[in-house]
Amino acid sequence: MISIDSFQCKRCGICCKWEGPVRVSEQEISKIAAFLNIPEDEFIRNHTVLAPDRRSLSLMEKEDGSCVYYDDEAKACILQSVKPQQCKDFPKKWNFPGWDNLCEGGKALHDE
């Protein structure tokens, strides 16, 4: 059994490429819109969708299910300084089956 407590992100981006909603709160919407230098209503209209459970807004995804704010070339989150709490919480508060075999930081936990 691995211990997530010693997880250190290696910036591999696998969590950004996993399909599923990235929920954003009102405060996060405000911060992201300001960071992108666009009005909040424009950000909501053009950069979010209703989450599948219809209880919140979620960041849009690319056709393959990955986050639109993950830059594959730079291997970095465009929103790093204002990224949603859900993203910050990976993998300690949320993850997906097999994440530790795909994520570079998770693989490193197996080597400990």
N, C-alpha and C. Protein backbone atom coordinates (compact mmCIF):
# COMPACT_ATOMS: atom_id res chain seq x y z
N MET A 1 0.84 -1.20 0.00
CA MET A 1 0.00 0.00 0.00
C MET A 1 0.88 1.25 0.00
N ILE A 2 0.55 2.19 -0.87
CA ILE A 2 1.34 3.41 -0.96
C ILE A 2 0.78 4.47 -0.01
N SER A 3 1.62 5.42 0.37
CA SER A 3 1.20 6.52 1.24
C SER A 3 1.14 7.80 0.42
N ILE A 4 -0.06 8.28 0.19
CA ILE A 4 -0.25 9.50 -0.59
C ILE A 4 0.35 10.71 0.12
N ASP A 5 0.52 10.63 1.44
CA ASP A 5 1.05 11.76 2.21
C ASP A 5 2.42 12.23 1.72
N SER A 6 3.21 11.32 1.16
CA SER A 6 4.54 11.70 0.69
C SER A 6 4.57 12.03 -0.82
N PHE A 7 3.39 12.15 -1.43
CA PHE A 7 3.29 12.46 -2.86
C PHE A 7 3.96 13.80 -3.17
N GLN A 8 4.76 13.82 -4.22
CA GLN A 8 5.35 15.06 -4.73
C GLN A 8 5.06 15.13 -6.23
N CYS A 9 4.42 16.19 -6.65
CA CYS A 9 4.06 16.36 -8.05
C CYS A 9 5.31 16.46 -8.91
N LYS A 10 5.31 15.72 -10.01
CA LYS A 10 6.42 15.74 -10.97
C LYS A 10 6.03 16.52 -12.24
N ARG A 11 4.85 17.12 -12.22
CA ARG A 11 4.33 17.92 -13.33
C ARG A 11 4.22 17.14 -14.64
N CYS A 12 3.77 15.88 -14.53
CA CYS A 12 3.62 15.05 -15.73
C CYS A 12 2.34 15.38 -16.49
N GLY A 13 1.35 15.97 -15.81
CA GLY A 13 0.12 16.40 -16.45
C GLY A 13 -0.95 15.34 -16.61
N ILE A 14 -0.71 14.13 -16.13
CA ILE A 14 -1.71 13.06 -16.32
C ILE A 14 -3.05 13.42 -15.66
N CYS A 15 -3.01 14.11 -14.52
CA CYS A 15 -4.26 14.49 -13.86
C CYS A 15 -5.04 15.51 -14.70
N CYS A 16 -4.33 16.29 -15.50
CA CYS A 16 -4.96 17.29 -16.37
C CYS A 16 -5.54 16.67 -17.64
N LYS A 17 -5.08 15.47 -17.94
CA LYS A 17 -5.52 14.79 -19.16
C LYS A 17 -6.62 13.78 -18.90
N TRP A 18 -6.98 13.60 -17.64
CA TRP A 18 -8.02 12.64 -17.28
C TRP A 18 -9.39 13.27 -17.49
N GLU A 19 -10.29 12.53 -18.12
CA GLU A 19 -11.64 13.01 -18.37
C GLU A 19 -12.41 13.24 -17.07
N GLY A 20 -13.26 14.21 -17.08
CA GLY A 20 -14.14 14.45 -15.93
C GLY A 20 -14.21 15.92 -15.58
N PRO A 21 -15.25 16.30 -14.88
CA PRO A 21 -15.46 17.71 -14.58
C PRO A 21 -14.42 18.27 -13.62
N VAL A 22 -13.99 19.49 -13.90
CA VAL A 22 -13.17 20.26 -12.97
C VAL A 22 -14.08 21.39 -12.51
N ARG A 23 -14.67 21.18 -11.36
CA ARG A 23 -15.64 22.14 -10.83
C ARG A 23 -14.98 23.44 -10.40
N VAL A 24 -15.67 24.53 -10.66
CA VAL A 24 -15.14 25.84 -10.27
C VAL A 24 -16.19 26.58 -9.44
N SER A 25 -15.72 27.17 -8.35
CA SER A 25 -16.59 27.96 -7.47
C SER A 25 -16.71 29.38 -8.01
N GLU A 26 -17.60 30.15 -7.40
CA GLU A 26 -17.75 31.55 -7.81
C GLU A 26 -16.45 32.32 -7.63
N GLN A 27 -15.76 32.07 -6.51
CA GLN A 27 -14.49 32.75 -6.25
C GLN A 27 -13.43 32.35 -7.28
N GLU A 28 -13.40 31.09 -7.64
CA GLU A 28 -12.43 30.63 -8.64
C GLU A 28 -12.74 31.23 -10.00
N ILE A 29 -14.00 31.32 -10.34
CA ILE A 29 -14.41 31.94 -11.60
C ILE A 29 -13.91 33.38 -11.64
N SER A 30 -14.09 34.11 -10.55
CA SER A 30 -13.62 35.51 -10.48
C SER A 30 -12.12 35.60 -10.68
N LYS A 31 -11.37 34.74 -9.99
CA LYS A 31 -9.90 34.77 -10.09
C LYS A 31 -9.42 34.40 -11.49
N ILE A 32 -10.02 33.36 -12.05
CA ILE A 32 -9.59 32.91 -13.38
C ILE A 32 -9.93 33.95 -14.44
N ALA A 33 -11.14 34.51 -14.37
CA ALA A 33 -11.53 35.54 -15.34
C ALA A 33 -10.60 36.74 -15.25
N ALA A 34 -10.27 37.16 -14.04
CA ALA A 34 -9.35 38.29 -13.86
C ALA A 34 -7.97 37.93 -14.43
N PHE A 35 -7.50 36.72 -14.17
CA PHE A 35 -6.21 36.26 -14.68
C PHE A 35 -6.19 36.27 -16.21
N LEU A 36 -7.30 35.85 -16.81
CA LEU A 36 -7.41 35.82 -18.28
C LEU A 36 -7.77 37.19 -18.86
N ASN A 37 -8.04 38.15 -17.97
CA ASN A 37 -8.39 39.51 -18.35
C ASN A 37 -9.65 39.57 -19.22
N ILE A 38 -10.66 38.82 -18.78
CA ILE A 38 -11.96 38.84 -19.45
C ILE A 38 -13.05 38.99 -18.40
N PRO A 39 -14.20 39.53 -18.78
CA PRO A 39 -15.31 39.65 -17.82
C PRO A 39 -15.78 38.26 -17.36
N GLU A 40 -16.26 38.20 -16.13
CA GLU A 40 -16.73 36.93 -15.57
C GLU A 40 -17.82 36.29 -16.41
N ASP A 41 -18.79 37.09 -16.87
CA ASP A 41 -19.87 36.51 -17.65
C ASP A 41 -19.37 35.91 -18.96
N GLU A 42 -18.35 36.51 -19.55
CA GLU A 42 -17.75 35.96 -20.76
C GLU A 42 -17.03 34.64 -20.45
N PHE A 43 -16.31 34.61 -19.33
CA PHE A 43 -15.63 33.38 -18.93
C PHE A 43 -16.65 32.26 -18.72
N ILE A 44 -17.72 32.56 -18.01
CA ILE A 44 -18.76 31.55 -17.75
C ILE A 44 -19.36 31.06 -19.07
N ARG A 45 -19.69 31.98 -19.94
CA ARG A 45 -20.34 31.65 -21.20
C ARG A 45 -19.43 30.85 -22.15
N ASN A 46 -18.16 31.22 -22.22
CA ASN A 46 -17.27 30.65 -23.23
C ASN A 46 -16.24 29.65 -22.73
N HIS A 47 -16.12 29.50 -21.40
CA HIS A 47 -15.05 28.66 -20.87
C HIS A 47 -15.53 27.62 -19.86
N THR A 48 -16.83 27.58 -19.59
CA THR A 48 -17.35 26.60 -18.64
C THR A 48 -18.57 25.87 -19.24
N VAL A 49 -18.89 24.76 -18.62
CA VAL A 49 -20.10 24.00 -18.97
C VAL A 49 -20.77 23.58 -17.66
N LEU A 50 -22.01 23.21 -17.76
CA LEU A 50 -22.72 22.69 -16.60
C LEU A 50 -22.18 21.30 -16.31
N ALA A 51 -21.81 21.03 -15.07
CA ALA A 51 -21.29 19.72 -14.69
C ALA A 51 -22.37 18.66 -14.91
N PRO A 52 -21.97 17.41 -15.15
CA PRO A 52 -22.95 16.36 -15.43
C PRO A 52 -24.05 16.22 -14.38
N ASP A 53 -23.74 16.48 -13.11
CA ASP A 53 -24.77 16.36 -12.07
C ASP A 53 -25.61 17.63 -11.95
N ARG A 54 -25.30 18.63 -12.77
CA ARG A 54 -26.03 19.90 -12.84
C ARG A 54 -26.00 20.69 -11.54
N ARG A 55 -24.95 20.47 -10.73
CA ARG A 55 -24.84 21.16 -9.44
C ARG A 55 -23.79 22.26 -9.42
N SER A 56 -23.02 22.36 -10.50
CA SER A 56 -21.97 23.38 -10.54
C SER A 56 -21.51 23.58 -11.98
N LEU A 57 -20.65 24.56 -12.15
CA LEU A 57 -20.01 24.76 -13.44
C LEU A 57 -18.67 24.04 -13.42
N SER A 58 -18.24 23.64 -14.59
CA SER A 58 -16.98 22.93 -14.75
C SER A 58 -16.20 23.57 -15.90
N LEU A 59 -14.87 23.52 -15.82
CA LEU A 59 -14.06 24.00 -16.93
C LEU A 59 -14.33 23.15 -18.16
N MET A 60 -14.28 23.77 -19.30
CA MET A 60 -14.45 23.03 -20.55
C MET A 60 -13.30 22.04 -20.72
N GLU A 61 -13.56 21.00 -21.51
CA GLU A 61 -12.55 20.01 -21.81
C GLU A 61 -12.25 20.03 -23.31
N LYS A 62 -11.08 19.54 -23.66
CA LYS A 62 -10.76 19.34 -25.07
C LYS A 62 -11.55 18.12 -25.55
N GLU A 63 -11.55 17.88 -26.82
CA GLU A 63 -12.30 16.75 -27.39
C GLU A 63 -11.90 15.41 -26.76
N ASP A 64 -10.63 15.29 -26.39
CA ASP A 64 -10.14 14.03 -25.79
C ASP A 64 -10.41 13.93 -24.29
N GLY A 65 -11.05 14.94 -23.72
CA GLY A 65 -11.39 14.93 -22.29
C GLY A 65 -10.39 15.63 -21.41
N SER A 66 -9.27 16.05 -21.97
CA SER A 66 -8.27 16.74 -21.16
C SER A 66 -8.67 18.20 -20.95
N CYS A 67 -8.05 18.83 -19.98
CA CYS A 67 -8.36 20.22 -19.64
C CYS A 67 -7.87 21.16 -20.72
N VAL A 68 -8.70 22.13 -21.07
CA VAL A 68 -8.31 23.10 -22.10
C VAL A 68 -7.17 24.00 -21.64
N TYR A 69 -6.92 24.04 -20.35
CA TYR A 69 -5.87 24.91 -19.82
C TYR A 69 -4.54 24.19 -19.61
N TYR A 70 -4.47 22.93 -20.02
CA TYR A 70 -3.19 22.23 -19.93
C TYR A 70 -2.47 22.39 -21.26
N ASP A 71 -1.26 22.93 -21.21
CA ASP A 71 -0.45 23.15 -22.39
C ASP A 71 0.50 21.96 -22.54
N ASP A 72 0.19 21.07 -23.50
CA ASP A 72 0.99 19.87 -23.72
C ASP A 72 2.44 20.18 -24.06
N GLU A 73 2.64 21.20 -24.86
CA GLU A 73 3.99 21.54 -25.29
C GLU A 73 4.84 22.00 -24.11
N ALA A 74 4.29 22.88 -23.29
CA ALA A 74 5.01 23.41 -22.13
C ALA A 74 4.95 22.45 -20.94
N LYS A 75 4.07 21.46 -21.03
CA LYS A 75 3.83 20.53 -19.91
C LYS A 75 3.51 21.32 -18.64
N ALA A 76 2.53 22.22 -18.78
CA ALA A 76 2.18 23.09 -17.66
C ALA A 76 0.74 23.55 -17.75
N CYS A 77 0.21 23.88 -16.60
CA CYS A 77 -1.13 24.46 -16.51
C CYS A 77 -1.04 25.95 -16.79
N ILE A 78 -1.82 26.41 -17.73
CA ILE A 78 -1.85 27.83 -18.06
C ILE A 78 -2.36 28.64 -16.86
N LEU A 79 -3.21 28.01 -16.05
CA LEU A 79 -3.82 28.69 -14.91
C LEU A 79 -3.09 28.41 -13.59
N GLN A 80 -1.85 27.95 -13.65
CA GLN A 80 -1.15 27.48 -12.45
C GLN A 80 -1.34 28.38 -11.23
N SER A 81 -1.20 29.68 -11.38
CA SER A 81 -1.29 30.58 -10.23
C SER A 81 -2.71 30.76 -9.71
N VAL A 82 -3.72 30.39 -10.52
CA VAL A 82 -5.12 30.55 -10.09
C VAL A 82 -5.92 29.27 -10.32
N LYS A 83 -5.24 28.14 -10.43
CA LYS A 83 -5.95 26.90 -10.76
C LYS A 83 -6.95 26.53 -9.67
N PRO A 84 -8.03 25.86 -10.05
CA PRO A 84 -9.08 25.50 -9.10
C PRO A 84 -8.57 24.61 -7.96
N GLN A 85 -9.24 24.70 -6.82
CA GLN A 85 -8.89 23.90 -5.65
C GLN A 85 -8.91 22.41 -5.97
N GLN A 86 -9.85 21.98 -6.78
CA GLN A 86 -9.91 20.57 -7.16
C GLN A 86 -8.59 20.11 -7.75
N CYS A 87 -7.99 20.94 -8.58
CA CYS A 87 -6.70 20.59 -9.19
C CYS A 87 -5.60 20.54 -8.13
N LYS A 88 -5.62 21.50 -7.23
CA LYS A 88 -4.63 21.54 -6.15
C LYS A 88 -4.74 20.31 -5.25
N ASP A 89 -5.93 19.76 -5.14
CA ASP A 89 -6.19 18.65 -4.22
C ASP A 89 -5.78 17.28 -4.74
N PHE A 90 -5.37 17.18 -6.01
CA PHE A 90 -4.96 15.88 -6.55
C PHE A 90 -3.60 15.49 -5.98
N PRO A 91 -3.39 14.28 -5.58
CA PRO A 91 -4.26 13.12 -5.49
C PRO A 91 -4.81 12.88 -4.09
N LYS A 92 -4.49 13.81 -3.16
CA LYS A 92 -4.84 13.57 -1.76
C LYS A 92 -6.33 13.58 -1.49
N LYS A 93 -7.08 14.45 -2.15
CA LYS A 93 -8.52 14.53 -1.90
C LYS A 93 -9.35 13.97 -3.04
N TRP A 94 -8.75 13.76 -4.18
CA TRP A 94 -9.44 13.08 -5.29
C TRP A 94 -8.38 12.46 -6.19
N ASN A 95 -8.75 11.37 -6.80
CA ASN A 95 -7.90 10.73 -7.80
C ASN A 95 -8.78 9.78 -8.60
N PHE A 96 -8.19 8.99 -9.42
CA PHE A 96 -8.96 8.07 -10.26
C PHE A 96 -8.29 6.71 -10.21
N PRO A 97 -9.03 5.65 -10.50
CA PRO A 97 -8.46 4.30 -10.43
C PRO A 97 -7.21 4.17 -11.31
N GLY A 98 -6.14 3.71 -10.72
CA GLY A 98 -4.89 3.51 -11.45
C GLY A 98 -4.03 4.74 -11.59
N TRP A 99 -4.43 5.85 -10.97
CA TRP A 99 -3.67 7.10 -11.10
C TRP A 99 -2.20 6.91 -10.73
N ASP A 100 -1.95 6.11 -9.71
CA ASP A 100 -0.59 5.96 -9.21
C ASP A 100 0.31 5.17 -10.16
N ASN A 101 -0.27 4.48 -11.12
CA ASN A 101 0.52 3.77 -12.13
C ASN A 101 0.73 4.61 -13.38
N LEU A 102 -0.01 5.72 -13.50
CA LEU A 102 0.10 6.61 -14.66
C LEU A 102 0.87 7.89 -14.34
N CYS A 103 0.64 8.41 -13.16
CA CYS A 103 1.23 9.67 -12.71
C CYS A 103 2.68 9.44 -12.28
N GLU A 104 3.59 10.30 -12.73
CA GLU A 104 5.00 10.16 -12.37
C GLU A 104 5.21 10.26 -10.85
N GLY A 105 4.47 11.16 -10.21
CA GLY A 105 4.57 11.28 -8.74
C GLY A 105 4.03 10.03 -8.05
N GLY A 106 2.99 9.43 -8.62
CA GLY A 106 2.43 8.20 -8.06
C GLY A 106 3.35 7.02 -8.24
N LYS A 107 3.99 6.95 -9.40
CA LYS A 107 4.95 5.87 -9.66
C LYS A 107 6.10 5.94 -8.66
N ALA A 108 6.53 7.16 -8.34
CA ALA A 108 7.63 7.35 -7.40
C ALA A 108 7.27 6.83 -6.01
N LEU A 109 5.98 6.88 -5.65
CA LEU A 109 5.55 6.37 -4.36
C LEU A 109 5.77 4.86 -4.27
N HIS A 110 5.67 4.16 -5.40
CA HIS A 110 5.87 2.72 -5.42
C HIS A 110 7.34 2.37 -5.21
N ASP A 111 8.22 3.32 -5.52
CA ASP A 111 9.66 3.07 -5.41
C ASP A 111 10.18 3.28 -4.00
N GLU A 112 9.35 3.90 -3.16
CA GLU A 112 9.80 4.19 -1.78
C GLU A 112 9.93 2.93 -0.96
